[in-house]
Amino acid sequence: MTDKKDDKSTWAIGGGTLIGIGAGFFFLQESPLAFVGSILLGLGLGLVITSIISSKKGQ
């Protein structure tokens, strides 16, 4: 089990969300739904990366 201070895998969720927001600002003028979609895509990508990192630490 990892220490809470040593576990940085959850940072991928926040990082993915920030990347999604940053990319979404480019699409905001064209379509607000594309902005929301890019935020959700970044969140989903962060969750996938977090699960990959967590599974590799458990091995």
C-alpha atoms as a PDB file:
ATOM      1  CA  MET A   1       0.000   0.000   0.000  1.00  0.00           C
ATOM      2  CA  THR A   2       1.323   3.429  -0.848  1.00  0.00           C
ATOM      3  CA  ASP A   3       1.493   6.350   1.513  1.00  0.00           C
ATOM      4  CA  LYS A   4      -0.941   9.150   0.841  1.00  0.00           C
ATOM      5  CA  LYS A   5       1.986  11.578   0.542  1.00  0.00           C
ATOM      6  CA  ASP A   6       3.782   9.369  -1.990  1.00  0.00           C
ATOM      7  CA  ASP A   7       0.706   8.655  -4.142  1.00  0.00           C
ATOM      8  CA  LYS A   8       0.655  11.198  -6.940  1.00  0.00           C
ATOM      9  CA  SER A   9      -1.510   9.130  -9.299  1.00  0.00           C
ATOM     10  CA  THR A  10      -4.615  11.177  -8.512  1.00  0.00           C
ATOM     11  CA  TRP A  11      -2.884  14.231  -9.947  1.00  0.00           C
ATOM     12  CA  ALA A  12      -3.631  12.766 -13.377  1.00  0.00           C
ATOM     13  CA  ILE A  13      -7.338  13.476 -12.862  1.00  0.00           C
ATOM     14  CA  GLY A  14      -6.765  17.156 -12.142  1.00  0.00           C
ATOM     15  CA  GLY A  15      -4.178  17.434 -14.879  1.00  0.00           C
ATOM     16  CA  GLY A  16      -6.477  15.838 -17.429  1.00  0.00           C
ATOM     17  CA  THR A  17      -9.289  18.158 -16.454  1.00  0.00           C
ATOM     18  CA  LEU A  18      -7.053  21.222 -16.811  1.00  0.00           C
ATOM     19  CA  ILE A  19      -5.866  20.020 -20.213  1.00  0.00           C
ATOM     20  CA  GLY A  20      -9.503  19.538 -21.230  1.00  0.00           C
ATOM     21  CA  ILE A  21     -10.412  23.051 -20.101  1.00  0.00           C
ATOM     22  CA  GLY A  22      -7.413  24.523 -21.917  1.00  0.00           C
ATOM     23  CA  ALA A  23      -8.237  22.698 -25.132  1.00  0.00           C
ATOM     24  CA  GLY A  24     -11.914  23.540 -24.734  1.00  0.00           C
ATOM     25  CA  PHE A  25     -11.253  27.280 -24.785  1.00  0.00           C
ATOM     26  CA  PHE A  26     -10.204  26.924 -28.433  1.00  0.00           C
ATOM     27  CA  PHE A  27     -13.604  25.427 -29.277  1.00  0.00           C
ATOM     28  CA  LEU A  28     -15.702  27.736 -27.084  1.00  0.00           C
ATOM     29  CA  GLN A  29     -16.413  30.268 -29.855  1.00  0.00           C
ATOM     30  CA  GLU A  30     -17.603  27.552 -32.256  1.00  0.00           C
ATOM     31  CA  SER A  31     -19.595  25.297 -29.954  1.00  0.00           C
ATOM     32  CA  PRO A  32     -20.163  25.321 -26.197  1.00  0.00           C
ATOM     33  CA  LEU A  33     -20.885  21.580 -26.378  1.00  0.00           C
ATOM     34  CA  ALA A  34     -17.380  20.989 -27.745  1.00  0.00           C
ATOM     35  CA  PHE A  35     -16.048  22.856 -24.687  1.00  0.00           C
ATOM     36  CA  VAL A  36     -17.982  20.581 -22.330  1.00  0.00           C
ATOM     37  CA  GLY A  37     -16.958  17.545 -24.365  1.00  0.00           C
ATOM     38  CA  SER A  38     -13.271  18.396 -24.122  1.00  0.00           C
ATOM     39  CA  ILE A  39     -13.562  18.802 -20.338  1.00  0.00           C
ATOM     40  CA  LEU A  40     -15.209  15.375 -20.086  1.00  0.00           C
ATOM     41  CA  LEU A  41     -12.587  13.884 -22.393  1.00  0.00           C
ATOM     42  CA  GLY A  42      -9.796  15.284 -20.209  1.00  0.00           C
ATOM     43  CA  LEU A  43     -11.482  13.965 -17.081  1.00  0.00           C
ATOM     44  CA  GLY A  44     -11.921  10.520 -18.607  1.00  0.00           C
ATOM     45  CA  LEU A  45      -8.325  10.451 -19.804  1.00  0.00           C
ATOM     46  CA  GLY A  46      -7.131  11.406 -16.325  1.00  0.00           C
ATOM     47  CA  LEU A  47      -9.188   8.606 -14.786  1.00  0.00           C
ATOM     48  CA  VAL A  48      -7.752   6.057 -17.223  1.00  0.00           C
ATOM     49  CA  ILE A  49      -4.184   7.202 -16.527  1.00  0.00           C
ATOM     50  CA  THR A  50      -4.853   7.041 -12.784  1.00  0.00           C
ATOM     51  CA  SER A  51      -6.106   3.467 -13.019  1.00  0.00           C
ATOM     52  CA  ILE A  52      -3.058   2.453 -15.083  1.00  0.00           C
ATOM     53  CA  ILE A  53      -0.658   4.061 -12.606  1.00  0.00           C
ATOM     54  CA  SER A  54      -2.463   2.493  -9.633  1.00  0.00           C
ATOM     55  CA  SER A  55      -2.425  -0.982 -11.166  1.00  0.00           C
ATOM     56  CA  LYS A  56       1.298  -0.779 -11.929  1.00  0.00           C
ATOM     57  CA  LYS A  57       2.077   0.268  -8.350  1.00  0.00           C
ATOM     58  CA  GLY A  58       0.186  -2.749  -7.016  1.00  0.00           C
ATOM     59  CA  GLN A  59       2.369  -5.229  -8.916  1.00  0.00           C
END
